[in-house]
Amino acid sequence: MSFIKNLFEGRSSPEIHSQFVRFGKGDYENRMAHTITLGPKLKIVSGFELANDFVNFIINNSKESDKVNVKGTIFAKKDLGLKYSNETKKGFTIYEIDEEMTVGSLKKIYESAKLEYILLSISNDNFELSCLPKPHNPKGKYKENFCKFIVSKEFEKKLVETFAFDCQFKKKVEIKYRIIVEGIEIPDKYKNDALQARLNGLRYGTIERKIIIDGNEAIKKINFKV
């Protein structure tokens, strides 16, 4: 399941919280964008926020013994103890991965890094995921084509149910979000520690889900605190 679907269905989790730590108080438009296009194979193009969910989708729809080709990076805010070559740069431990592995091995990586930036390109006969190898620059222009994910016919329905869970469309759907952070609730024990305050503060406000199908636009709105 995607963190966005969980959020809109009223669930909370560390994975959802980790998606919001980059936001201060303010109004953020056209975030968490993704476009799903139906064709010979279903393709979803998205911003960086969905990268971890795509990796998890592959894991949850594969056998642990299945083989996948994996290449890319993991940007972690701490040392995860992974066996792969790494360097520390600008506050991140950066892991480099380039090998064929089982889905079981990929699952272990995901479980260790699911609160970090998993920027991996993964492929086999059923899935083809490509991600840019560096996190999105928060001060740069938002990249709606940061990830590209193609799945075989067998997994089309489940992918649509996961990432376009409230949409009915025949060929294409575009989904974008406006995030309005009205404030940040900081636990008392972190109020004198700027880093921990940012990482553990609870953002609250509203999120607008904009859905565009065949030129027709609909907006759904929820309150959030994560």
Protein backbone atom coordinates (compact mmCIF):
# COMPACT_ATOMS: atom_id res chain seq x y z
CA MET A 1 0.00 0.00 0.00
CA SER A 2 1.22 3.54 -0.71
CA PHE A 3 1.88 6.05 2.06
CA ILE A 4 -0.54 8.43 0.31
CA LYS A 5 -3.38 5.91 0.39
CA ASN A 6 -2.68 5.21 4.06
CA LEU A 7 -2.70 8.94 4.80
CA PHE A 8 -6.03 9.51 3.03
CA GLU A 9 -7.56 6.52 4.79
CA GLY A 10 -6.63 7.93 8.19
CA ARG A 11 -3.67 5.73 9.04
CA SER A 12 -0.37 6.88 10.55
CA SER A 13 3.09 5.32 10.41
CA PRO A 14 6.78 6.24 10.63
CA GLU A 15 6.92 5.96 6.82
CA ILE A 16 4.25 8.66 6.47
CA HIS A 17 5.96 10.88 9.06
CA SER A 18 9.30 10.58 7.26
CA GLN A 19 7.73 12.02 4.09
CA PHE A 20 6.88 15.27 5.88
CA VAL A 21 10.04 16.08 7.86
CA ARG A 22 11.34 18.19 4.94
CA PHE A 23 8.40 20.60 5.26
CA GLY A 24 8.37 23.73 7.37
CA LYS A 25 5.34 25.89 7.91
CA GLY A 26 4.05 26.98 4.52
CA ASP A 27 2.08 26.24 1.35
CA TYR A 28 3.54 23.66 -1.07
CA GLU A 29 1.85 23.12 -4.43
CA ASN A 30 2.16 20.29 -6.97
CA ARG A 31 3.96 17.81 -4.71
CA MET A 32 3.82 13.99 -4.65
CA ALA A 33 2.85 14.17 -8.32
CA HIS A 34 2.23 11.07 -10.40
CA THR A 35 0.73 10.25 -13.79
CA ILE A 36 -0.55 6.80 -14.71
CA THR A 37 -0.87 5.89 -18.39
CA LEU A 38 -2.43 2.69 -19.70
CA GLY A 39 -0.96 1.14 -22.84
CA PRO A 40 0.68 -2.13 -23.87
CA LYS A 41 2.18 -1.90 -20.37
CA LEU A 42 1.04 0.37 -17.55
CA LYS A 43 3.47 3.20 -16.82
CA ILE A 44 3.52 5.52 -13.83
CA VAL A 45 5.75 8.59 -13.79
CA SER A 46 6.18 10.36 -10.47
CA GLY A 47 8.08 12.71 -8.23
CA PHE A 48 10.70 11.37 -5.84
CA GLU A 49 8.29 10.81 -2.95
CA LEU A 50 6.92 7.56 -4.39
CA ALA A 51 10.29 5.86 -4.93
CA ASN A 52 10.17 3.83 -1.70
CA ASP A 53 6.59 2.76 -2.37
CA PHE A 54 7.53 1.46 -5.81
CA VAL A 55 10.32 -0.66 -4.30
CA ASN A 56 7.87 -1.98 -1.73
CA PHE A 57 5.32 -2.75 -4.46
CA ILE A 58 7.87 -4.93 -6.26
CA ILE A 59 8.70 -6.76 -3.02
CA ASN A 60 5.06 -7.36 -2.10
CA ASN A 61 4.20 -8.69 -5.56
CA SER A 62 7.16 -11.05 -6.02
CA LYS A 63 8.42 -14.28 -4.55
CA GLU A 64 11.44 -13.90 -2.27
CA SER A 65 13.36 -16.25 -4.57
CA ASP A 66 12.71 -14.11 -7.67
CA LYS A 67 15.78 -12.40 -9.10
CA VAL A 68 16.01 -8.67 -9.80
CA ASN A 69 18.71 -6.41 -11.20
CA VAL A 70 19.32 -3.54 -8.79
CA LYS A 71 21.36 -0.41 -9.39
CA GLY A 72 21.34 2.95 -7.65
CA THR A 73 21.83 4.69 -4.34
CA ILE A 74 20.40 4.96 -0.86
CA PHE A 75 20.75 8.30 0.90
CA ALA A 76 20.42 7.66 4.64
CA LYS A 77 20.40 10.14 7.50
CA LYS A 78 22.39 7.62 9.54
CA ASP A 79 24.69 4.63 9.07
CA LEU A 80 22.43 1.67 8.31
CA GLY A 81 25.22 -0.90 8.53
CA LEU A 82 24.59 -2.17 5.00
CA LYS A 83 27.39 -4.16 3.39
CA TYR A 84 27.60 -1.94 0.31
CA SER A 85 30.30 0.64 -0.38
CA ASN A 86 29.39 4.02 1.03
CA GLU A 87 30.55 7.53 1.72
CA THR A 88 29.39 10.28 4.07
CA LYS A 89 28.48 13.56 2.41
CA LYS A 90 26.41 16.56 3.52
CA GLY A 91 24.92 14.68 6.46
CA PHE A 92 24.01 11.55 4.49
CA THR A 93 25.51 8.09 4.39
CA ILE A 94 25.32 7.25 0.69
CA TYR A 95 25.25 3.58 -0.34
CA GLU A 96 26.01 2.45 -3.89
CA ILE A 97 24.35 -0.77 -5.11
CA ASP A 98 24.86 -2.52 -8.44
CA GLU A 99 24.13 -6.25 -8.50
CA GLU A 100 21.63 -8.99 -9.23
CA MET A 101 19.94 -10.22 -6.06
CA THR A 102 16.89 -12.06 -4.84
CA VAL A 103 13.76 -10.20 -3.83
CA GLY A 104 14.40 -11.56 -0.33
CA SER A 105 17.69 -9.65 -0.24
CA LEU A 106 15.99 -6.55 -1.62
CA LYS A 107 13.39 -6.83 1.14
CA LYS A 108 16.10 -6.77 3.82
CA ILE A 109 17.55 -3.60 2.28
CA TYR A 110 14.09 -2.02 2.17
CA GLU A 111 13.34 -2.85 5.81
CA SER A 112 16.63 -1.23 6.87
CA ALA A 113 16.17 1.86 4.71
CA LYS A 114 12.40 2.44 4.46
CA LEU A 115 12.61 5.77 6.29
CA GLU A 116 15.42 6.97 4.02
CA TYR A 117 15.73 7.79 0.30
CA ILE A 118 15.77 4.49 -1.65
CA LEU A 119 16.72 5.62 -5.14
CA LEU A 120 17.09 2.31 -6.94
CA SER A 121 16.50 1.18 -10.50
CA ILE A 122 15.11 -2.37 -10.39
CA SER A 123 14.17 -4.68 -13.24
CA ASN A 124 13.10 -8.18 -14.18
CA ASP A 125 10.43 -9.63 -16.51
CA ASN A 126 7.54 -8.12 -14.50
CA PHE A 127 8.83 -4.76 -13.32
CA GLU A 128 10.99 -1.94 -14.63
CA LEU A 129 11.67 0.85 -12.15
CA SER A 130 14.08 3.69 -12.81
CA CYS A 131 14.89 6.49 -10.36
CA LEU A 132 17.30 9.40 -10.51
CA PRO A 133 20.30 8.63 -8.25
CA LYS A 134 20.25 11.79 -6.09
CA PRO A 135 17.51 13.15 -3.81
CA HIS A 136 15.38 16.00 -5.06
CA ASN A 137 16.91 19.40 -4.31
CA PRO A 138 14.32 21.10 -2.07
CA LYS A 139 15.36 24.52 -3.45
CA GLY A 140 15.28 23.40 -7.08
CA LYS A 141 12.46 22.93 -9.56
CA TYR A 142 10.22 20.00 -8.68
CA LYS A 143 10.83 17.01 -10.98
CA GLU A 144 7.59 15.22 -11.85
CA ASN A 145 9.57 12.60 -13.83
CA PHE A 146 11.97 11.60 -11.05
CA CYS A 147 10.70 7.99 -11.16
CA LYS A 148 9.38 5.83 -13.97
CA PHE A 149 7.71 2.52 -13.15
CA ILE A 150 6.41 0.01 -15.71
CA VAL A 151 4.60 -3.19 -14.72
CA SER A 152 3.38 -6.18 -16.70
CA LYS A 153 -0.34 -6.79 -17.31
CA GLU A 154 -0.57 -9.14 -14.34
CA PHE A 155 0.03 -6.28 -11.87
CA GLU A 156 -1.81 -3.40 -13.54
CA LYS A 157 -5.00 -3.67 -11.48
CA LYS A 158 -3.17 -3.80 -8.18
CA LEU A 159 -0.96 -0.84 -9.07
CA VAL A 160 -4.00 1.26 -9.98
CA GLU A 161 -5.70 0.24 -6.72
CA THR A 162 -2.57 1.28 -4.83
CA PHE A 163 -1.73 4.62 -6.43
CA ALA A 164 -5.02 5.74 -8.02
CA PHE A 165 -7.26 4.24 -5.36
CA ASP A 166 -10.20 6.63 -5.87
CA CYS A 167 -10.07 7.07 -9.66
CA GLN A 168 -11.92 5.65 -12.63
CA PHE A 169 -10.08 6.24 -15.90
CA LYS A 170 -9.55 4.57 -19.26
CA LYS A 171 -6.22 5.87 -20.50
CA LYS A 172 -4.57 8.44 -18.24
CA VAL A 173 -4.87 10.06 -14.83
CA GLU A 174 -2.77 12.85 -13.34
CA ILE A 175 -2.64 13.34 -9.58
CA LYS A 176 -0.97 16.19 -7.67
CA TYR A 177 -1.09 17.47 -4.13
CA ARG A 178 -1.10 20.81 -2.38
CA ILE A 179 0.29 20.55 1.14
CA ILE A 180 -0.51 23.37 3.55
CA VAL A 181 1.48 23.06 6.79
CA GLU A 182 -0.24 25.31 9.29
CA GLY A 183 2.11 24.52 12.15
CA ILE A 184 4.56 22.09 13.73
CA GLU A 185 3.97 20.54 17.14
CA ILE A 186 7.34 19.85 18.78
CA PRO A 187 7.57 17.48 21.77
CA ASP A 188 8.96 19.24 24.85
CA LYS A 189 12.06 17.05 25.03
CA TYR A 190 13.18 18.22 21.57
CA LYS A 191 12.49 21.95 21.84
CA ASN A 192 16.14 22.79 22.52
CA ASP A 193 17.51 20.51 19.78
CA ALA A 194 16.91 21.93 16.30
CA LEU A 195 17.73 18.71 14.43
CA GLN A 196 15.57 16.45 16.59
CA ALA A 197 12.80 19.03 16.59
CA ARG A 198 12.74 18.91 12.79
CA LEU A 199 12.86 15.11 12.68
CA ASN A 200 10.28 14.50 15.41
CA GLY A 201 7.95 17.47 15.08
CA LEU A 202 4.37 16.73 14.02
CA ARG A 203 3.22 18.75 11.01
CA TYR A 204 -0.47 19.58 10.80
CA GLY A 205 -2.65 21.29 8.26
CA THR A 206 -4.52 20.31 5.10
CA ILE A 207 -3.77 18.38 1.93
CA GLU A 208 -5.60 18.81 -1.38
CA ARG A 209 -5.58 15.86 -3.79
CA LYS A 210 -6.05 17.13 -7.35
CA ILE A 211 -7.17 14.47 -9.85
CA ILE A 212 -7.20 15.25 -13.58
CA ILE A 213 -8.90 12.80 -16.00
CA ASP A 214 -9.58 13.74 -19.64
CA GLY A 215 -9.19 17.42 -18.79
CA ASN A 216 -11.70 17.21 -15.94
CA GLU A 217 -10.40 18.21 -12.52
CA ALA A 218 -11.60 17.10 -9.08
CA ILE A 219 -10.18 18.04 -5.68
CA LYS A 220 -10.39 16.09 -2.45
CA LYS A 221 -9.26 17.63 0.80
CA ILE A 222 -8.26 16.20 4.18
CA ASN A 223 -6.82 17.48 7.42
CA PHE A 224 -3.60 15.85 8.56
CA LYS A 225 -1.26 15.60 11.52
CA VAL A 226 1.84 13.49 10.99
